[in-house]
N, C-alpha and C. Protein backbone atom coordinates (compact mmCIF):
# COMPACT_ATOMS: atom_id res chain seq x y z
N MET A 1 -7.74 21.18 -9.67
CA MET A 1 -7.39 19.80 -10.01
C MET A 1 -8.32 18.46 -9.78
N ALA A 2 -8.96 17.77 -10.42
CA ALA A 2 -9.76 16.98 -10.74
C ALA A 2 -10.13 16.47 -9.49
N ALA A 3 -11.83 15.91 -8.71
CA ALA A 3 -11.50 15.15 -7.40
C ALA A 3 -10.43 13.53 -7.62
N GLY A 4 -10.76 12.97 -8.86
CA GLY A 4 -10.23 11.72 -9.42
C GLY A 4 -8.44 12.04 -9.01
N HIS A 5 -8.22 13.10 -9.47
CA HIS A 5 -6.81 13.49 -9.71
C HIS A 5 -6.80 13.79 -8.08
N GLU A 6 -6.86 14.09 -7.06
CA GLU A 6 -6.63 14.21 -5.80
C GLU A 6 -6.66 12.84 -5.08
N ALA A 7 -7.89 11.94 -5.58
CA ALA A 7 -7.76 10.60 -4.69
C ALA A 7 -6.42 10.08 -5.35
N ILE A 8 -6.24 9.95 -6.46
CA ILE A 8 -5.04 9.53 -6.93
C ILE A 8 -3.97 9.88 -5.92
N THR A 9 -3.74 10.99 -6.35
CA THR A 9 -2.66 11.70 -5.79
C THR A 9 -2.65 11.39 -4.13
N PHE A 10 -3.69 11.63 -3.45
CA PHE A 10 -3.51 11.20 -1.80
C PHE A 10 -2.94 9.80 -1.92
N GLU A 11 -3.52 8.84 -2.52
CA GLU A 11 -3.29 7.36 -2.35
C GLU A 11 -1.48 7.36 -2.24
N ALA A 12 -1.21 8.06 -3.26
CA ALA A 12 0.35 7.88 -3.77
C ALA A 12 1.09 8.34 -2.29
N ARG A 13 0.74 9.55 -1.88
CA ARG A 13 1.05 10.06 -0.60
C ARG A 13 1.41 9.23 0.50
N VAL A 14 -0.08 8.64 0.89
CA VAL A 14 -0.28 7.39 2.16
C VAL A 14 1.27 6.52 1.38
N LEU A 15 1.16 6.21 0.37
CA LEU A 15 1.89 4.74 0.22
C LEU A 15 3.38 5.45 0.27
N LEU A 16 3.91 6.61 -0.18
CA LEU A 16 5.15 6.99 0.42
C LEU A 16 5.28 7.04 1.38
N GLN A 17 4.34 7.40 2.75
CA GLN A 17 4.61 7.40 3.46
C GLN A 17 4.72 6.25 4.63
N LEU A 18 4.26 5.21 4.24
CA LEU A 18 4.20 4.08 4.68
C LEU A 18 5.25 3.47 4.23
N GLU A 19 5.70 3.32 3.14
CA GLU A 19 7.21 2.88 2.76
C GLU A 19 8.44 3.59 3.47
N SER A 20 8.36 5.02 3.93
CA SER A 20 9.30 5.76 4.60
C SER A 20 9.53 4.93 5.66
N GLU A 21 8.32 4.59 6.40
CA GLU A 21 8.16 3.94 7.58
C GLU A 21 8.50 2.36 8.21
N GLY A 22 9.20 1.96 6.69
CA GLY A 22 9.11 0.39 6.35
C GLY A 22 8.24 -0.54 6.47
N ILE A 23 7.04 -0.24 5.99
CA ILE A 23 6.04 -0.86 5.94
C ILE A 23 6.07 -1.32 4.22
N PRO A 24 5.80 -2.51 4.27
CA PRO A 24 6.03 -2.99 2.60
C PRO A 24 4.87 -2.45 2.07
N VAL A 25 4.89 -1.64 0.84
CA VAL A 25 4.03 -1.77 -0.32
C VAL A 25 4.34 -1.15 -1.70
N PRO A 26 3.79 -0.81 -2.49
CA PRO A 26 4.34 -1.42 -3.50
C PRO A 26 5.01 0.48 -4.19
N HIS A 27 6.45 0.65 -4.54
CA HIS A 27 7.35 1.81 -4.76
C HIS A 27 6.56 2.56 -5.61
N VAL A 28 6.21 4.18 -5.34
CA VAL A 28 5.51 4.98 -5.91
C VAL A 28 6.84 5.66 -6.36
N TYR A 29 6.63 5.91 -8.49
CA TYR A 29 7.44 6.68 -8.93
C TYR A 29 7.01 7.90 -9.45
N GLY A 30 5.38 7.93 -9.60
CA GLY A 30 4.95 9.18 -9.48
C GLY A 30 3.60 9.11 -10.03
N VAL A 31 2.78 10.70 -10.14
CA VAL A 31 1.81 10.44 -10.05
C VAL A 31 1.92 11.19 -11.83
N CYS A 32 0.80 10.51 -12.42
CA CYS A 32 0.05 10.91 -14.23
C CYS A 32 -0.49 12.01 -14.17
N PRO A 33 -1.02 12.96 -14.36
CA PRO A 33 -1.82 13.67 -14.84
C PRO A 33 -2.82 13.68 -15.73
N ASP A 34 -2.14 12.66 -16.81
CA ASP A 34 -3.40 13.03 -18.20
C ASP A 34 -2.62 11.85 -18.79
N PRO A 35 -3.42 10.59 -18.73
CA PRO A 35 -4.72 10.43 -18.10
C PRO A 35 -4.23 9.98 -16.32
N CYS A 36 -5.03 10.21 -15.66
CA CYS A 36 -4.52 10.05 -13.86
C CYS A 36 -4.31 9.03 -13.94
N GLY A 37 -3.13 8.70 -13.17
CA GLY A 37 -2.68 7.45 -12.38
C GLY A 37 -1.38 7.60 -11.93
N VAL A 38 -1.26 6.09 -11.27
CA VAL A 38 -0.08 6.36 -9.92
C VAL A 38 0.59 5.59 -10.90
N VAL A 39 1.90 5.76 -10.95
CA VAL A 39 3.02 5.09 -11.66
C VAL A 39 3.56 4.37 -10.39
N MET A 40 3.45 3.35 -9.81
CA MET A 40 4.43 2.10 -9.31
C MET A 40 4.63 0.79 -9.65
N ASP A 41 5.37 0.11 -8.54
CA ASP A 41 5.75 -1.19 -8.98
C ASP A 41 4.60 -2.03 -8.23
N ARG A 42 4.48 -3.33 -9.33
CA ARG A 42 3.42 -4.03 -8.85
C ARG A 42 3.87 -5.14 -7.63
N SER A 43 2.81 -5.12 -6.69
CA SER A 43 2.82 -6.46 -5.64
C SER A 43 3.56 -7.39 -5.69
N PRO A 44 4.02 -8.06 -5.42
CA PRO A 44 4.41 -10.04 -6.00
C PRO A 44 3.16 -10.26 -5.01
N GLY A 45 3.04 -11.78 -5.62
CA GLY A 45 2.13 -13.24 -5.09
C GLY A 45 1.01 -13.07 -5.57
N LEU A 46 -0.07 -13.60 -5.33
CA LEU A 46 -1.50 -14.06 -6.22
C LEU A 46 -2.17 -13.14 -5.34
N ALA A 47 -3.19 -12.48 -5.90
CA ALA A 47 -4.28 -11.54 -5.60
C ALA A 47 -5.39 -12.29 -4.59
N ILE A 48 -5.06 -13.62 -4.77
CA ILE A 48 -6.48 -14.28 -3.92
C ILE A 48 -5.54 -15.26 -3.38
N LEU A 49 -5.72 -15.87 -2.15
CA LEU A 49 -5.03 -16.72 -1.38
C LEU A 49 -5.77 -18.09 -1.85
N THR A 50 -6.67 -18.21 -1.90
CA THR A 50 -7.69 -19.24 -2.46
C THR A 50 -6.85 -20.07 -3.38
N THR A 51 -6.30 -19.57 -4.31
CA THR A 51 -5.80 -20.20 -5.26
C THR A 51 -4.23 -20.97 -5.52
N SER A 52 -3.89 -20.54 -3.96
CA SER A 52 -2.55 -21.27 -3.38
C SER A 52 -3.04 -22.45 -3.47
N GLU A 53 -1.36 -23.20 -3.99
CA GLU A 53 -1.22 -24.57 -3.81
C GLU A 53 -1.79 -25.04 -2.75
N SER A 54 -1.46 -24.55 -1.21
CA SER A 54 -1.90 -25.39 -0.27
C SER A 54 -2.02 -24.76 0.95
N SER A 55 -2.63 -24.91 2.21
CA SER A 55 -2.51 -24.31 3.61
C SER A 55 -1.19 -24.28 3.93
N THR A 56 -0.12 -24.95 3.67
CA THR A 56 0.97 -24.74 4.02
C THR A 56 1.55 -24.13 3.44
N GLU A 57 1.34 -23.26 1.86
CA GLU A 57 1.77 -22.62 1.43
C GLU A 57 0.83 -21.16 2.08
N ARG A 58 -0.14 -21.04 1.88
CA ARG A 58 -0.92 -19.86 2.91
C ARG A 58 -0.45 -19.40 4.48
N LYS A 59 -0.01 -20.48 4.73
CA LYS A 59 0.03 -19.81 6.20
C LYS A 59 1.18 -18.55 6.50
N PRO A 60 2.27 -19.15 5.93
CA PRO A 60 3.07 -18.09 6.21
C PRO A 60 2.69 -16.66 5.73
N VAL A 61 1.94 -16.80 4.51
CA VAL A 61 1.85 -15.64 4.18
C VAL A 61 0.76 -14.84 4.95
N PHE A 62 -0.38 -15.29 5.80
CA PHE A 62 -1.35 -15.09 6.63
C PHE A 62 -0.10 -14.35 7.58
N GLU A 63 0.81 -15.31 8.20
CA GLU A 63 1.38 -14.78 9.34
C GLU A 63 2.25 -13.55 8.73
N GLU A 64 2.85 -13.53 7.74
CA GLU A 64 3.35 -12.13 7.50
C GLU A 64 2.65 -10.68 7.08
N TYR A 65 1.23 -11.05 6.68
CA TYR A 65 -0.02 -10.28 6.39
C TYR A 65 -0.16 -9.89 8.20
N ILE A 66 -0.59 -10.80 8.82
CA ILE A 66 -0.76 -9.93 10.41
C ILE A 66 0.03 -9.33 10.70
N ASP A 67 1.48 -9.81 11.01
CA ASP A 67 2.66 -8.55 11.02
C ASP A 67 2.63 -7.41 10.98
N ILE A 68 2.57 -7.54 9.47
CA ILE A 68 2.25 -5.97 8.59
C ILE A 68 1.33 -5.57 9.19
N THR A 69 0.27 -6.04 9.29
CA THR A 69 -1.10 -4.88 9.87
C THR A 69 -0.61 -4.62 11.42
N ALA A 70 -0.42 -5.18 11.80
CA ALA A 70 0.23 -5.09 13.10
C ALA A 70 1.12 -3.73 13.50
N ARG A 71 2.02 -3.76 12.48
CA ARG A 71 2.98 -2.80 12.28
C ARG A 71 2.19 -1.64 11.77
N ARG A 72 1.47 -1.77 10.65
CA ARG A 72 1.05 -0.91 10.30
C ARG A 72 -0.11 0.23 11.21
N HIS A 73 -0.65 -0.59 11.88
CA HIS A 73 -1.53 -0.13 13.01
C HIS A 73 -0.78 0.47 14.16
N GLY A 74 0.36 0.37 14.20
CA GLY A 74 1.65 1.04 15.50
C GLY A 74 1.90 2.56 14.71
N ARG A 75 1.84 2.67 13.72
CA ARG A 75 2.40 3.79 13.04
C ARG A 75 2.61 5.00 13.85
N ASP A 76 2.86 5.91 14.15
CA ASP A 76 3.05 7.57 14.37
C ASP A 76 1.72 7.89 13.64
N VAL A 77 0.85 8.81 13.92
CA VAL A 77 -0.32 9.95 13.70
C VAL A 77 -0.25 10.80 13.02
N PRO A 78 0.59 11.57 13.64
CA PRO A 78 0.95 13.29 12.93
C PRO A 78 0.97 12.75 11.27
N PRO A 79 1.88 11.98 10.54
CA PRO A 79 2.35 12.23 9.21
C PRO A 79 0.93 11.80 8.75
N PHE A 80 0.00 11.56 8.86
CA PHE A 80 -0.92 11.22 7.94
C PHE A 80 -2.16 11.94 8.66
N GLU A 81 -1.97 12.66 9.93
CA GLU A 81 -2.75 13.67 10.09
C GLU A 81 -2.39 14.90 9.24
N ALA A 82 -1.17 15.05 9.21
CA ALA A 82 -1.27 16.21 8.29
C ALA A 82 -1.60 15.92 6.98
N MET A 83 -1.85 15.23 6.56
CA MET A 83 -2.71 14.52 4.79
C MET A 83 -4.10 14.54 5.25
N GLY A 84 -4.09 14.45 6.51
CA GLY A 84 -5.31 14.70 6.08
C GLY A 84 -6.45 13.56 6.70
N LEU A 85 -5.92 12.37 7.48
CA LEU A 85 -6.56 11.26 7.62
C LEU A 85 -7.20 11.53 8.69
């Protein structure tokens, strides 16, 4: 398996683990071997929050981001250690 394909497969496994633990990530449908890639949902929203309409619009997004980040950091380590993280 090519190094690029291994990295893509690894990323898909991490996303699937996070999703199984209730962390909002794009749903992974599968890994395509040729061309190498992940078939997954597109996350909603803006890629760059500075393009949002106002700070009133940005504040709840940042608050949700902080909540998700805290939840992500509170996950159990063993499933990720088993993946090689």
